[in-house]
Protein backbone atom coordinates (compact mmCIF):
# COMPACT_ATOMS: atom_id res chain seq x y z
CA MET A 1 33.49 -24.09 -25.45
CA GLY A 2 31.63 -25.34 -22.50
CA PHE A 3 30.25 -29.07 -22.12
CA MET A 4 27.19 -30.42 -24.58
CA ARG A 5 25.39 -33.38 -23.67
CA ASN A 6 24.54 -35.96 -26.46
CA GLU A 7 21.80 -38.25 -27.06
CA THR A 8 23.50 -40.83 -24.96
CA ASN A 9 25.36 -39.09 -22.25
CA SER A 10 22.48 -38.53 -19.22
CA LEU A 11 23.84 -36.28 -16.24
CA SER A 12 22.92 -36.32 -12.66
CA GLU A 13 22.08 -32.79 -11.38
CA ALA A 14 25.49 -33.00 -9.66
CA ASP A 15 27.38 -33.53 -12.42
CA VAL A 16 25.82 -30.79 -13.98
CA ASP A 17 26.25 -28.72 -10.67
CA GLU A 18 29.68 -29.58 -10.82
CA ILE A 19 30.40 -28.04 -14.55
CA VAL A 20 28.37 -25.36 -13.96
CA GLU A 21 30.88 -24.44 -10.54
CA THR A 22 33.88 -25.65 -12.77
CA GLU A 23 33.14 -23.64 -16.03
CA ALA A 24 31.82 -20.55 -13.63
CA ALA A 25 35.80 -19.53 -13.17
CA ASP A 26 36.95 -20.28 -16.36
CA ASP A 27 37.32 -17.10 -18.66
CA ALA A 28 37.34 -19.48 -21.56
CA ALA A 29 34.32 -21.33 -21.00
CA TRP A 30 32.02 -17.63 -21.11
CA GLU A 31 31.16 -16.00 -24.83
CA ASP A 32 32.29 -12.83 -25.62
CA THR A 33 29.71 -9.46 -23.52
CA VAL A 34 27.01 -9.00 -25.42
CA ARG A 35 25.72 -5.00 -25.22
CA VAL A 36 22.56 -4.65 -25.23
CA ARG A 37 20.58 -1.35 -25.74
CA ARG A 38 17.67 0.22 -24.28
CA THR A 39 15.10 0.17 -27.41
CA LYS A 40 12.11 3.09 -27.06
CA PRO A 41 9.08 2.38 -25.24
CA GLU A 42 6.78 0.72 -26.60
CA ALA A 43 3.64 2.43 -27.23
CA ILE A 44 0.09 -0.16 -26.60
CA PRO A 45 -3.03 1.22 -28.36
CA LEU A 46 -5.67 0.88 -25.69
CA SER A 47 -9.70 1.28 -26.16
CA PRO A 48 -10.76 3.95 -23.45
CA LYS A 49 -12.77 0.98 -21.86
CA ILE A 50 -9.43 -0.70 -21.14
CA ALA A 51 -7.66 2.86 -20.61
CA ALA A 52 -10.09 3.54 -17.51
CA ARG A 53 -10.36 0.32 -15.89
CA VAL A 54 -6.06 -0.01 -15.97
CA ALA A 55 -6.23 3.91 -14.16
CA PHE A 56 -8.83 2.82 -11.46
CA PHE A 57 -6.89 -0.64 -10.71
CA ALA A 58 -3.24 1.44 -10.94
CA ARG A 59 -4.88 4.16 -8.62
CA LEU A 60 -6.90 1.18 -6.63
CA HIS A 61 -3.19 -0.44 -6.03
CA GLY A 62 -1.29 2.74 -5.47
CA ALA A 63 0.68 3.59 -8.81
CA THR A 64 1.38 7.00 -9.28
CA HIS A 65 0.73 6.48 -12.77
CA ALA A 66 -0.99 3.55 -14.89
CA GLU A 67 2.10 2.89 -17.17
CA GLU A 68 4.22 1.92 -13.86
CA TRP A 69 0.92 -0.24 -12.92
CA LEU A 70 0.41 -1.76 -16.29
CA ALA A 71 4.78 -2.40 -15.97
CA ARG A 72 4.47 -4.00 -13.03
CA VAL A 73 1.34 -6.32 -13.90
CA ILE A 74 3.25 -7.12 -17.51
CA GLU A 75 6.65 -8.22 -15.36
CA GLU A 76 4.42 -10.10 -12.97
CA ARG A 77 2.75 -11.99 -15.78
CA ILE A 78 5.97 -12.55 -17.64
CA ARG A 79 7.21 -14.51 -14.87
CA PHE A 80 4.07 -16.20 -13.78
CA GLU A 81 4.56 -17.20 -17.76
CA GLU A 82 8.14 -18.53 -17.25
CA ALA A 83 7.65 -20.39 -14.44
CA ALA A 84 4.43 -22.16 -15.95
CA PHE A 85 6.60 -22.65 -19.09
CA ALA A 86 9.45 -23.90 -17.07
CA GLU A 87 7.51 -26.77 -15.03
CA ILE A 88 6.36 -28.47 -18.24
CA LYS A 89 9.13 -28.43 -19.54
CA ARG A 90 10.92 -30.31 -16.45
CA ASP A 91 7.78 -32.38 -16.58
CA LEU A 92 8.12 -33.39 -20.31
CA THR A 93 11.85 -33.40 -19.80
CA VAL A 94 10.50 -36.53 -16.57
CA LYS A 95 8.66 -38.16 -18.97
CA ASN A 96 10.97 -38.85 -21.52
CA ASN A 97 13.57 -39.91 -19.11
CA ASP A 98 10.69 -42.23 -17.59
CA ARG A 99 10.77 -44.33 -21.13
C-alpha cells in the first residue's frame, strides 16, 4: 500500500513528488486493474424549445449532429467544474495550513 498522510505529518510538494515517482515504478504499490463497461447512452428529455436551441447552436458550431455538440459542451462544462473545484480545494488547503 502507498504512503498515507496523517494529521501530524505535513509533506512538501517535493516529498510528495518523490513518493509518487518511487511508487510509480513499484508494481506492488498499484491496485488491481479495474474493468469498466460502457453503459448505454443516456437519454435526456429536452423541451422542444431547448432542443431547437441545441440544434441551432450545434449547426452554428459546425457539429454534424446535435448530440455531438451537446456532448462536447457537457465535457467542457465538466472540465470547468473540476478545475473550479480543484482551485477551491487548494484554497481551503492553503487557508487551513496558514492556521
